[in-house]
PDB file of N, CA and C in Angstrom:
ATOM      1  N   UNK A   1     -11.804 -18.216  -1.762  1.00  0.00           N
ATOM      2  CA  UNK A   1     -10.901 -17.777  -0.732  1.00  0.00           C
ATOM      3  C   UNK A   1     -11.557 -16.643   0.051  1.00  0.00           C
ATOM      4  N   UNK A   2     -11.452 -16.707   1.349  1.00  0.00           N
ATOM      5  CA  UNK A   2     -12.021 -15.693   2.229  1.00  0.00           C
ATOM      6  C   UNK A   2     -10.899 -15.162   3.117  1.00  0.00           C
ATOM      7  N   UNK A   3     -10.530 -13.894   2.965  1.00  0.00           N
ATOM      8  CA  UNK A   3      -9.435 -13.302   3.717  1.00  0.00           C
ATOM      9  C   UNK A   3      -9.958 -12.258   4.692  1.00  0.00           C
ATOM     10  N   UNK A   4      -9.339 -12.195   5.852  1.00  0.00           N
ATOM     11  CA  UNK A   4      -9.651 -11.184   6.849  1.00  0.00           C
ATOM     12  C   UNK A   4      -8.602 -10.078   6.708  1.00  0.00           C
ATOM     13  N   UNK A   5      -8.957  -8.996   6.009  1.00  0.00           N
ATOM     14  CA  UNK A   5      -7.997  -7.926   5.760  1.00  0.00           C
ATOM     15  C   UNK A   5      -7.549  -7.227   7.038  1.00  0.00           C
ATOM     16  N   UNK A   6      -8.429  -7.142   8.018  1.00  0.00           N
ATOM     17  CA  UNK A   6      -8.039  -6.526   9.292  1.00  0.00           C
ATOM     18  C   UNK A   6      -6.959  -7.347   9.970  1.00  0.00           C
ATOM     19  N   UNK A   7      -7.139  -8.655   9.992  1.00  0.00           N
ATOM     20  CA  UNK A   7      -6.139  -9.541  10.605  1.00  0.00           C
ATOM     21  C   UNK A   7      -4.818  -9.474   9.836  1.00  0.00           C
ATOM     22  N   UNK A   8      -4.894  -9.464   8.501  1.00  0.00           N
ATOM     23  CA  UNK A   8      -3.674  -9.369   7.697  1.00  0.00           C
ATOM     24  C   UNK A   8      -2.962  -8.041   7.925  1.00  0.00           C
ATOM     25  N   UNK A   9      -3.722  -6.955   8.003  1.00  0.00           N
ATOM     26  CA  UNK A   9      -3.126  -5.646   8.263  1.00  0.00           C
ATOM     27  C   UNK A   9      -2.407  -5.656   9.609  1.00  0.00           C
ATOM     28  N   UNK A  10      -3.044  -6.190  10.628  1.00  0.00           N
ATOM     29  CA  UNK A  10      -2.433  -6.254  11.965  1.00  0.00           C
ATOM     30  C   UNK A  10      -1.188  -7.130  11.974  1.00  0.00           C
ATOM     31  N   UNK A  11      -1.264  -8.273  11.295  1.00  0.00           N
ATOM     32  CA  UNK A  11      -0.122  -9.195  11.217  1.00  0.00           C
ATOM     33  C   UNK A  11       1.076  -8.514  10.548  1.00  0.00           C
ATOM     34  N   UNK A  12       0.836  -7.829   9.456  1.00  0.00           N
ATOM     35  CA  UNK A  12       1.947  -7.217   8.736  1.00  0.00           C
ATOM     36  C   UNK A  12       2.434  -5.926   9.381  1.00  0.00           C
ATOM     37  N   UNK A  13       1.571  -5.230  10.101  1.00  0.00           N
ATOM     38  CA  UNK A  13       2.052  -4.088  10.889  1.00  0.00           C
ATOM     39  C   UNK A  13       2.995  -4.559  11.989  1.00  0.00           C
ATOM     40  N   UNK A  14       2.648  -5.660  12.647  1.00  0.00           N
ATOM     41  CA  UNK A  14       3.526  -6.215  13.689  1.00  0.00           C
ATOM     42  C   UNK A  14       4.865  -6.624  13.082  1.00  0.00           C
ATOM     43  N   UNK A  15       4.832  -7.246  11.903  1.00  0.00           N
ATOM     44  CA  UNK A  15       6.075  -7.657  11.238  1.00  0.00           C
ATOM     45  C   UNK A  15       6.892  -6.434  10.811  1.00  0.00           C
ATOM     46  N   UNK A  16       6.229  -5.404  10.297  1.00  0.00           N
ATOM     47  CA  UNK A  16       6.935  -4.193   9.865  1.00  0.00           C
ATOM     48  C   UNK A  16       7.623  -3.514  11.037  1.00  0.00           C
ATOM     49  N   UNK A  17       6.992  -3.548  12.198  1.00  0.00           N
ATOM     50  CA  UNK A  17       7.557  -2.885  13.383  1.00  0.00           C
ATOM     51  C   UNK A  17       8.840  -3.564  13.857  1.00  0.00           C
ATOM     52  N   UNK A  18       9.038  -4.822  13.507  1.00  0.00           N
ATOM     53  CA  UNK A  18      10.260  -5.524  13.913  1.00  0.00           C
ATOM     54  C   UNK A  18      11.253  -5.665  12.760  1.00  0.00           C
ATOM     55  N   UNK A  19      10.847  -5.306  11.549  1.00  0.00           N
ATOM     56  CA  UNK A  19      11.725  -5.421  10.382  1.00  0.00           C
ATOM     57  C   UNK A  19      12.685  -4.235  10.327  1.00  0.00           C
ATOM     58  N   UNK A  20      13.936  -4.477   9.961  1.00  0.00           N
ATOM     59  CA  UNK A  20      14.904  -3.375   9.911  1.00  0.00           C
ATOM     60  C   UNK A  20      14.539  -2.286   8.904  1.00  0.00           C
ATOM     61  N   UNK A  21      13.814  -2.611   7.855  1.00  0.00           N
ATOM     62  CA  UNK A  21      13.437  -1.632   6.836  1.00  0.00           C
ATOM     63  C   UNK A  21      12.057  -1.039   7.086  1.00  0.00           C
ATOM     64  N   UNK A  22      11.349  -1.494   8.145  1.00  0.00           N
ATOM     65  CA  UNK A  22      10.072  -0.889   8.526  1.00  0.00           C
ATOM     66  C   UNK A  22       8.902  -1.221   7.637  1.00  0.00           C
ATOM     67  N   UNK A  23       8.977  -2.352   6.924  1.00  0.00           N
ATOM     68  CA  UNK A  23       7.836  -2.705   6.080  1.00  0.00           C
ATOM     69  C   UNK A  23       7.671  -4.215   5.996  1.00  0.00           C
ATOM     70  N   UNK A  24       6.456  -4.604   5.614  1.00  0.00           N
ATOM     71  CA  UNK A  24       6.119  -6.012   5.416  1.00  0.00           C
ATOM     72  C   UNK A  24       5.012  -6.070   4.380  1.00  0.00           C
ATOM     73  N   UNK A  25       5.034  -7.089   3.526  1.00  0.00           N
ATOM     74  CA  UNK A  25       4.019  -7.190   2.477  1.00  0.00           C
ATOM     75  C   UNK A  25       3.721  -8.649   2.167  1.00  0.00           C
ATOM     76  N   UNK A  26       2.508  -8.870   1.662  1.00  0.00           N
ATOM     77  CA  UNK A  26       2.107 -10.207   1.223  1.00  0.00           C
ATOM     78  C   UNK A  26       1.111 -10.078   0.086  1.00  0.00           C
ATOM     79  N   UNK A  27       1.399 -10.769  -1.012  1.00  0.00           N
ATOM     80  CA  UNK A  27       0.433 -10.824  -2.097  1.00  0.00           C
ATOM     81  C   UNK A  27      -0.678 -11.773  -1.644  1.00  0.00           C
ATOM     82  N   UNK A  28      -1.900 -11.265  -1.646  1.00  0.00           N
ATOM     83  CA  UNK A  28      -3.022 -12.066  -1.150  1.00  0.00           C
ATOM     84  C   UNK A  28      -3.885 -12.617  -2.270  1.00  0.00           C
ATOM     85  N   UNK A  29      -3.737 -12.059  -3.474  1.00  0.00           N
ATOM     86  CA  UNK A  29      -4.510 -12.542  -4.617  1.00  0.00           C
ATOM     87  C   UNK A  29      -3.690 -12.358  -5.880  1.00  0.00           C
ATOM     88  N   UNK A  30      -3.578 -13.414  -6.659  1.00  0.00           N
ATOM     89  CA  UNK A  30      -2.923 -13.352  -7.959  1.00  0.00           C
ATOM     90  C   UNK A  30      -3.763 -14.193  -8.904  1.00  0.00           C
ATOM     91  N   UNK A  31      -4.501 -13.512  -9.756  1.00  0.00           N
ATOM     92  CA  UNK A  31      -5.415 -14.174 -10.688  1.00  0.00           C
ATOM     93  C   UNK A  31      -5.208 -13.565 -12.066  1.00  0.00           C
ATOM     94  N   UNK A  32      -4.434 -14.229 -12.904  1.00  0.00           N
ATOM     95  CA  UNK A  32      -4.129 -13.671 -14.221  1.00  0.00           C
ATOM     96  C   UNK A  32      -3.397 -12.358 -14.077  1.00  0.00           C
ATOM     97  N   UNK A  33      -3.968 -11.278 -14.614  1.00  0.00           N
ATOM     98  CA  UNK A  33      -3.322  -9.964 -14.565  1.00  0.00           C
ATOM     99  C   UNK A  33      -3.640  -9.188 -13.275  1.00  0.00           C
ATOM    100  N   UNK A  34      -4.556  -9.719 -12.460  1.00  0.00           N
ATOM    101  CA  UNK A  34      -4.974  -9.048 -11.223  1.00  0.00           C
ATOM    102  C   UNK A  34      -4.100  -9.483 -10.052  1.00  0.00           C
ATOM    103  N   UNK A  35      -3.617  -8.476  -9.313  1.00  0.00           N
ATOM    104  CA  UNK A  35      -2.828  -8.752  -8.112  1.00  0.00           C
ATOM    105  C   UNK A  35      -3.294  -7.835  -6.991  1.00  0.00           C
ATOM    106  N   UNK A  36      -3.422  -8.407  -5.797  1.00  0.00           N
ATOM    107  CA  UNK A  36      -3.727  -7.605  -4.610  1.00  0.00           C
ATOM    108  C   UNK A  36      -2.689  -7.930  -3.548  1.00  0.00           C
ATOM    109  N   UNK A  37      -2.141  -6.873  -2.953  1.00  0.00           N
ATOM    110  CA  UNK A  37      -1.073  -7.022  -1.979  1.00  0.00           C
ATOM    111  C   UNK A  37      -1.360  -6.159  -0.761  1.00  0.00           C
ATOM    112  N   UNK A  38      -1.220  -6.748   0.428  1.00  0.00           N
ATOM    113  CA  UNK A  38      -1.278  -5.988   1.670  1.00  0.00           C
ATOM    114  C   UNK A  38       0.142  -5.521   1.960  1.00  0.00           C
ATOM    115  N   UNK A  39       0.291  -4.217   2.174  1.00  0.00           N
ATOM    116  CA  UNK A  39       1.592  -3.622   2.461  1.00  0.00           C
ATOM    117  C   UNK A  39       1.468  -2.854   3.773  1.00  0.00           C
ATOM    118  N   UNK A  40       2.374  -3.135   4.708  1.00  0.00           N
ATOM    119  CA  UNK A  40       2.411  -2.416   5.981  1.00  0.00           C
ATOM    120  C   UNK A  40       3.713  -1.625   6.056  1.00  0.00           C
ATOM    121  N   UNK A  41       3.611  -0.383   6.514  1.00  0.00           N
ATOM    122  CA  UNK A  41       4.758   0.512   6.637  1.00  0.00           C
ATOM    123  C   UNK A  41       4.711   1.192   7.995  1.00  0.00           C
ATOM    124  N   UNK A  42       5.870   1.281   8.660  1.00  0.00           N
ATOM    125  CA  UNK A  42       5.918   2.043   9.903  1.00  0.00           C
ATOM    126  C   UNK A  42       6.035   3.528   9.578  1.00  0.00           C
ATOM    127  N   UNK A  43       5.679   4.363  10.539  1.00  0.00           N
ATOM    128  CA  UNK A  43       5.701   5.821  10.343  1.00  0.00           C
ATOM    129  C   UNK A  43       7.050   6.268   9.800  1.00  0.00           C
ATOM    130  N   UNK A  44       7.010   7.057   8.726  1.00  0.00           N
ATOM    131  CA  UNK A  44       8.221   7.583   8.118  1.00  0.00           C
ATOM    132  C   UNK A  44       8.830   6.688   7.056  1.00  0.00           C
ATOM    133  N   UNK A  45       8.381   5.450   6.966  1.00  0.00           N
ATOM    134  CA  UNK A  45       8.895   4.527   5.961  1.00  0.00           C
ATOM    135  C   UNK A  45       8.260   4.838   4.613  1.00  0.00           C
ATOM    136  N   UNK A  46       9.059   4.729   3.552  1.00  0.00           N
ATOM    137  CA  UNK A  46       8.567   5.076   2.219  1.00  0.00           C
ATOM    138  C   UNK A  46       8.848   3.961   1.222  1.00  0.00           C
ATOM    139  N   UNK A  47       7.981   3.886   0.242  1.00  0.00           N
ATOM    140  CA  UNK A  47       8.257   3.123  -0.969  1.00  0.00           C
ATOM    141  C   UNK A  47       8.698   4.175  -1.976  1.00  0.00           C
ATOM    142  N   UNK A  48       9.953   4.130  -2.370  1.00  0.00           N
ATOM    143  CA  UNK A  48      10.490   5.144  -3.266  1.00  0.00           C
ATOM    144  C   UNK A  48       9.706   5.195  -4.568  1.00  0.00           C
ATOM    145  N   UNK A  49       9.867   6.291  -5.252  1.00  0.00           N
ATOM    146  CA  UNK A  49       9.161   6.502  -6.519  1.00  0.00           C
ATOM    147  C   UNK A  49       9.396   5.317  -7.452  1.00  0.00           C
ATOM    148  N   UNK A  50       8.312   4.863  -8.067  1.00  0.00           N
ATOM    149  CA  UNK A  50       8.372   3.718  -8.981  1.00  0.00           C
ATOM    150  C   UNK A  50       7.301   3.883 -10.064  1.00  0.00           C
ATOM    151  N   UNK A  51       7.423   3.096 -11.122  1.00  0.00           N
ATOM    152  CA  UNK A  51       6.469   3.167 -12.228  1.00  0.00           C
ATOM    153  C   UNK A  51       5.120   2.595 -11.820  1.00  0.00           C
ATOM    154  N   UNK A  52       4.079   3.131 -12.385  1.00  0.00           N
ATOM    155  CA  UNK A  52       2.714   2.668 -12.117  1.00  0.00           C
ATOM    156  C   UNK A  52       2.348   1.539 -13.075  1.00  0.00           C
ATOM    157  N   UNK A  53       1.571   0.572 -12.595  1.00  0.00           N
ATOM    158  CA  UNK A  53       1.034  -0.443 -13.508  1.00  0.00           C
ATOM    159  C   UNK A  53      -0.050   0.197 -14.378  1.00  0.00           C
ATOM    160  N   UNK A  54      -0.533  -0.515 -15.397  1.00  0.00           N
ATOM    161  CA  UNK A  54      -1.566   0.050 -16.275  1.00  0.00           C
ATOM    162  C   UNK A  54      -2.821   0.511 -15.535  1.00  0.00           C
ATOM    163  N   UNK A  55      -3.186  -0.185 -14.466  1.00  0.00           N
ATOM    164  CA  UNK A  55      -4.344   0.216 -13.657  1.00  0.00           C
ATOM    165  C   UNK A  55      -4.093  -0.231 -12.224  1.00  0.00           C
ATOM    166  N   UNK A  56      -4.387   0.659 -11.263  1.00  0.00           N
ATOM    167  CA  UNK A  56      -4.155   0.303  -9.857  1.00  0.00           C
ATOM    168  C   UNK A  56      -4.959   1.210  -8.940  1.00  0.00           C
ATOM    169  N   UNK A  57      -5.233   0.675  -7.746  1.00  0.00           N
ATOM    170  CA  UNK A  57      -5.879   1.474  -6.701  1.00  0.00           C
ATOM    171  C   UNK A  57      -5.202   1.173  -5.370  1.00  0.00           C
ATOM    172  N   UNK A  58      -5.369   2.097  -4.450  1.00  0.00           N
ATOM    173  CA  UNK A  58      -4.811   1.966  -3.116  1.00  0.00           C
ATOM    174  C   UNK A  58      -5.933   2.188  -2.112  1.00  0.00           C
ATOM    175  N   UNK A  59      -6.142   1.216  -1.234  1.00  0.00           N
ATOM    176  CA  UNK A  59      -7.132   1.343  -0.169  1.00  0.00           C
ATOM    177  C   UNK A  59      -6.375   1.344   1.156  1.00  0.00           C
ATOM    178  N   UNK A  60      -6.586   2.359   1.963  1.00  0.00           N
ATOM    179  CA  UNK A  60      -5.925   2.444   3.255  1.00  0.00           C
ATOM    180  C   UNK A  60      -6.742   1.635   4.263  1.00  0.00           C
ATOM    181  N   UNK A  61      -6.121   0.594   4.798  1.00  0.00           N
ATOM    182  CA  UNK A  61      -6.798  -0.269   5.768  1.00  0.00           C
ATOM    183  C   UNK A  61      -6.705   0.300   7.170  1.00  0.00           C
ATOM    184  N   UNK A  62      -5.547   0.870   7.486  1.00  0.00           N
ATOM    185  CA  UNK A  62      -5.347   1.494   8.797  1.00  0.00           C
ATOM    186  C   UNK A  62      -4.221   2.509   8.688  1.00  0.00           C
ATOM    187  N   UNK A  63      -4.296   3.557   9.483  1.00  0.00           N
ATOM    188  CA  UNK A  63      -3.245   4.561   9.497  1.00  0.00           C
ATOM    189  C   UNK A  63      -3.473   5.691   8.521  1.00  0.00           C
ATOM    190  N   UNK A  64      -2.349   6.330   8.127  1.00  0.00           N
ATOM    191  CA  UNK A  64      -2.388   7.499   7.246  1.00  0.00           C
ATOM    192  C   UNK A  64      -1.140   7.471   6.368  1.00  0.00           C
ATOM    193  N   UNK A  65      -1.333   7.617   5.064  1.00  0.00           N
ATOM    194  CA  UNK A  65      -0.219   7.580   4.106  1.00  0.00           C
ATOM    195  C   UNK A  65      -0.271   8.794   3.194  1.00  0.00           C
ATOM    196  N   UNK A  66       0.860   9.064   2.549  1.00  0.00           N
ATOM    197  CA  UNK A  66       0.924  10.136   1.566  1.00  0.00           C
ATOM    198  C   UNK A  66       1.355   9.519   0.243  1.00  0.00           C
ATOM    199  N   UNK A  67       0.498   9.669  -0.767  1.00  0.00           N
ATOM    200  CA  UNK A  67       0.773   9.225  -2.125  1.00  0.00           C
ATOM    201  C   UNK A  67       1.311  10.426  -2.883  1.00  0.00           C
ATOM    202  N   UNK A  68       2.486  10.281  -3.506  1.00  0.00           N
ATOM    203  CA  UNK A  68       3.124  11.422  -4.156  1.00  0.00           C
ATOM    204  C   UNK A  68       3.476  11.109  -5.604  1.00  0.00           C
ATOM    205  N   UNK A  69       3.428  12.146  -6.422  1.00  0.00           N
ATOM    206  CA  UNK A  69       3.950  12.116  -7.787  1.00  0.00           C
ATOM    207  C   UNK A  69       4.751  13.398  -7.952  1.00  0.00           C
ATOM    208  N   UNK A  70       5.335  13.587  -9.104  1.00  0.00           N
ATOM    209  CA  UNK A  70       6.131  14.784  -9.347  1.00  0.00           C
ATOM    210  C   UNK A  70       5.273  16.038  -9.136  1.00  0.00           C
ATOM    211  N   UNK A  71       5.563  16.785  -8.063  1.00  0.00           N
ATOM    212  CA  UNK A  71       4.869  18.044  -7.823  1.00  0.00           C
ATOM    213  C   UNK A  71       3.477  17.935  -7.228  1.00  0.00           C
ATOM    214  N   UNK A  72       3.101  16.764  -6.718  1.00  0.00           N
ATOM    215  CA  UNK A  72       1.742  16.575  -6.217  1.00  0.00           C
ATOM    216  C   UNK A  72       1.753  15.555  -5.088  1.00  0.00           C
ATOM    217  N   UNK A  73       0.895  15.729  -4.075  1.00  0.00           N
ATOM    218  CA  UNK A  73       0.784  14.779  -2.967  1.00  0.00           C
ATOM    219  C   UNK A  73      -0.661  14.720  -2.496  1.00  0.00           C
ATOM    220  N   UNK A  74      -1.069  13.549  -2.056  1.00  0.00           N
ATOM    221  CA  UNK A  74      -2.417  13.361  -1.530  1.00  0.00           C
ATOM    222  C   UNK A  74      -2.309  12.529  -0.262  1.00  0.00           C
ATOM    223  N   UNK A  75      -2.799  13.049   0.847  1.00  0.00           N
ATOM    224  CA  UNK A  75      -2.771  12.317   2.108  1.00  0.00           C
ATOM    225  C   UNK A  75      -4.074  11.541   2.250  1.00  0.00           C
ATOM    226  N   UNK A  76      -3.947  10.261   2.545  1.00  0.00           N
ATOM    227  CA  UNK A  76      -5.097   9.361   2.635  1.00  0.00           C
ATOM    228  C   UNK A  76      -5.149   8.735   4.019  1.00  0.00           C
ATOM    229  N   UNK A  77      -6.365   8.613   4.559  1.00  0.00           N
ATOM    230  CA  UNK A  77      -6.539   8.021   5.879  1.00  0.00           C
ATOM    231  C   UNK A  77      -7.333   6.714   5.779  1.00  0.00           C
ATOM    232  N   UNK A  78      -7.402   6.004   6.892  1.00  0.00           N
ATOM    233  CA  UNK A  78      -8.092   4.713   6.930  1.00  0.00           C
ATOM    234  C   UNK A  78      -9.484   4.830   6.306  1.00  0.00           C
ATOM    235  N   UNK A  79      -9.781   3.878   5.433  1.00  0.00           N
ATOM    236  CA  UNK A  79     -11.064   3.860   4.754  1.00  0.00           C
ATOM    237  C   UNK A  79     -11.024   4.471   3.367  1.00  0.00           C
ATOM    238  N   UNK A  80      -9.971   5.242   3.062  1.00  0.00           N
ATOM    239  CA  UNK A  80      -9.876   5.896   1.754  1.00  0.00           C
ATOM    240  C   UNK A  80      -9.520   4.891   0.663  1.00  0.00           C
ATOM    241  N   UNK A  81     -10.090   5.119  -0.498  1.00  0.00           N
ATOM    242  CA  UNK A  81      -9.788   4.330  -1.695  1.00  0.00           C
ATOM    243  C   UNK A  81      -9.488   5.320  -2.804  1.00  0.00           C
ATOM    244  N   UNK A  82      -8.327   5.136  -3.461  1.00  0.00           N
ATOM    245  CA  UNK A  82      -7.921   6.101  -4.491  1.00  0.00           C
ATOM    246  C   UNK A  82      -7.266   5.386  -5.657  1.00  0.00           C
ATOM    247  N   UNK A  83      -7.601   5.838  -6.849  1.00  0.00           N
ATOM    248  CA  UNK A  83      -6.906   5.367  -8.040  1.00  0.00           C
ATOM    249  C   UNK A  83      -5.464   5.862  -7.976  1.00  0.00           C
ATOM    250  N   UNK A  84      -4.532   5.014  -8.359  1.00  0.00           N
ATOM    251  CA  UNK A  84      -3.128   5.418  -8.400  1.00  0.00           C
ATOM    252  C   UNK A  84      -2.867   6.079  -9.748  1.00  0.00           C
ATOM    253  N   UNK A  85      -2.258   7.271  -9.737  1.00  0.00           N
ATOM    254  CA  UNK A  85      -1.974   7.954 -11.003  1.00  0.00           C
ATOM    255  C   UNK A  85      -1.118   7.085 -11.917  1.00  0.00           C
ATOM    256  N   UNK A  86      -1.328   7.231 -13.199  1.00  0.00           N
ATOM    257  CA  UNK A  86      -0.597   6.434 -14.190  1.00  0.00           C
ATOM    258  C   UNK A  86       0.735   7.104 -14.523  1.00  0.00           C
ATOM    259  N   UNK A  87       1.497   7.385 -13.499  1.00  0.00           N
ATOM    260  CA  UNK A  87       2.821   7.986 -13.632  1.00  0.00           C
ATOM    261  C   UNK A  87       3.667   7.533 -12.452  1.00  0.00           C
ATOM    262  N   UNK A  88       4.947   7.837 -12.495  1.00  0.00           N
ATOM    263  CA  UNK A  88       5.823   7.455 -11.373  1.00  0.00           C
ATOM    264  C   UNK A  88       5.266   8.061 -10.087  1.00  0.00           C
ATOM    265  N   UNK A  89       5.320   7.294  -9.024  1.00  0.00           N
ATOM    266  CA  UNK A  89       4.745   7.738  -7.757  1.00  0.00           C
ATOM    267  C   UNK A  89       5.475   7.064  -6.603  1.00  0.00           C
ATOM    268  N   UNK A  90       5.263   7.589  -5.416  1.00  0.00           N
ATOM    269  CA  UNK A  90       5.826   7.017  -4.206  1.00  0.00           C
ATOM    270  C   UNK A  90       4.767   6.997  -3.118  1.00  0.00           C
ATOM    271  N   UNK A  91       5.076   6.284  -2.041  1.00  0.00           N
ATOM    272  CA  UNK A  91       4.147   6.181  -0.916  1.00  0.00           C
ATOM    273  C   UNK A  91       4.944   6.286   0.375  1.00  0.00           C
ATOM    274  N   UNK A  92       4.480   7.138   1.285  1.00  0.00           N
ATOM    275  CA  UNK A  92       5.130   7.315   2.578  1.00  0.00           C
ATOM    276  C   UNK A  92       4.090   7.155   3.678  1.00  0.00           C
ATOM    277  N   UNK A  93       4.447   6.418   4.721  1.00  0.00           N
ATOM    278  CA  UNK A  93       3.561   6.276   5.870  1.00  0.00           C
ATOM    279  C   UNK A  93       3.730   7.487   6.782  1.00  0.00           C
ATOM    280  N   UNK A  94       2.655   8.222   6.988  1.00  0.00           N
ATOM    281  CA  UNK A  94       2.664   9.355   7.904  1.00  0.00           C
ATOM    282  C   UNK A  94       2.622   8.823   9.342  1.00  0.00           C
ATOM    283  N   UNK A  95       1.903   7.733   9.522  1.00  0.00           N
ATOM    284  CA  UNK A  95       1.877   6.987  10.789  1.00  0.00           C
ATOM    285  C   UNK A  95       1.881   5.513  10.418  1.00  0.00           C
ATOM    286  N   UNK A  96       2.078   4.618  11.389  1.00  0.00           N
ATOM    287  CA  UNK A  96       2.061   3.193  11.082  1.00  0.00           C
ATOM    288  C   UNK A  96       0.787   2.890  10.296  1.00  0.00           C
ATOM    289  N   UNK A  97       0.938   2.242   9.148  1.00  0.00           N
ATOM    290  CA  UNK A  97      -0.183   2.086   8.212  1.00  0.00           C
ATOM    291  C   UNK A  97      -0.131   0.740   7.501  1.00  0.00           C
ATOM    292  N   UNK A  98      -1.312   0.311   7.059  1.00  0.00           N
ATOM    293  CA  UNK A  98      -1.423  -0.854   6.185  1.00  0.00           C
ATOM    294  C   UNK A  98      -2.374  -0.485   5.055  1.00  0.00           C
ATOM    295  N   UNK A  99      -1.998  -0.889   3.836  1.00  0.00           N
ATOM    296  CA  UNK A  99      -2.800  -0.573   2.655  1.00  0.00           C
ATOM    297  C   UNK A  99      -3.017  -1.849   1.842  1.00  0.00           C
ATOM    298  N   UNK A 100      -4.044  -1.797   1.022  1.00  0.00           N
ATOM    299  CA  UNK A 100      -4.296  -2.863   0.046  1.00  0.00           C
ATOM    300  C   UNK A 100      -4.065  -2.268  -1.335  1.00  0.00           C
ATOM    301  N   UNK A 101      -3.038  -2.763  -2.013  1.00  0.00           N
ATOM    302  CA  UNK A 101      -2.728  -2.354  -3.368  1.00  0.00           C
ATOM    303  C   UNK A 101      -3.381  -3.333  -4.326  1.00  0.00           C
ATOM    304  N   UNK A 102      -4.212  -2.831  -5.214  1.00  0.00           N
ATOM    305  CA  UNK A 102      -4.816  -3.648  -6.260  1.00  0.00           C
ATOM    306  C   UNK A 102      -4.244  -3.168  -7.580  1.00  0.00           C
ATOM    307  N   UNK A 103      -3.654  -4.105  -8.339  1.00  0.00           N
ATOM    308  CA  UNK A 103      -3.013  -3.740  -9.598  1.00  0.00           C
ATOM    309  C   UNK A 103      -3.386  -4.712 -10.694  1.00  0.00           C
ATOM    310  N   UNK A 104      -3.522  -4.168 -11.882  1.00  0.00           N
ATOM    311  CA  UNK A 104      -3.727  -4.970 -13.089  1.00  0.00           C
ATOM    312  C   UNK A 104      -2.496  -4.740 -13.949  1.00  0.00           C
ATOM    313  N   UNK A 105      -1.783  -5.821 -14.240  1.00  0.00           N
ATOM    314  CA  UNK A 105      -0.571  -5.741 -15.045  1.00  0.00           C
ATOM    315  C   UNK A 105      -0.801  -6.407 -16.396  1.00  0.00           C
ATOM    316  N   UNK A 106      -0.124  -5.896 -17.408  1.00  0.00           N
ATOM    317  CA  UNK A 106      -0.242  -6.488 -18.741  1.00  0.00           C
ATOM    318  C   UNK A 106       0.324  -7.896 -18.757  1.00  0.00           C
TER     319      UNK A 106
END
């Protein structure tokens, strides 16, 4: 499978901009315990705090997001790749953004 992440990011940003909740997502890879999902969020839209999978990373494809945990925040811009902390966390789009979430689930 060959995916164009730029095209997917643009497609889901366009969908997020017209969605009432300001987001759009598509799982692009599901292979056993490995999952990769493109998530687009409009500025100010958040994914509320949720539990972390056993292993995960977040790559910012476009825009700027803030990854938060209890008492801590990290702002990430396009091109950034970061391990997701193994604790409850949230994600907020500082500007219209698309990210690639890679997760390994038990």
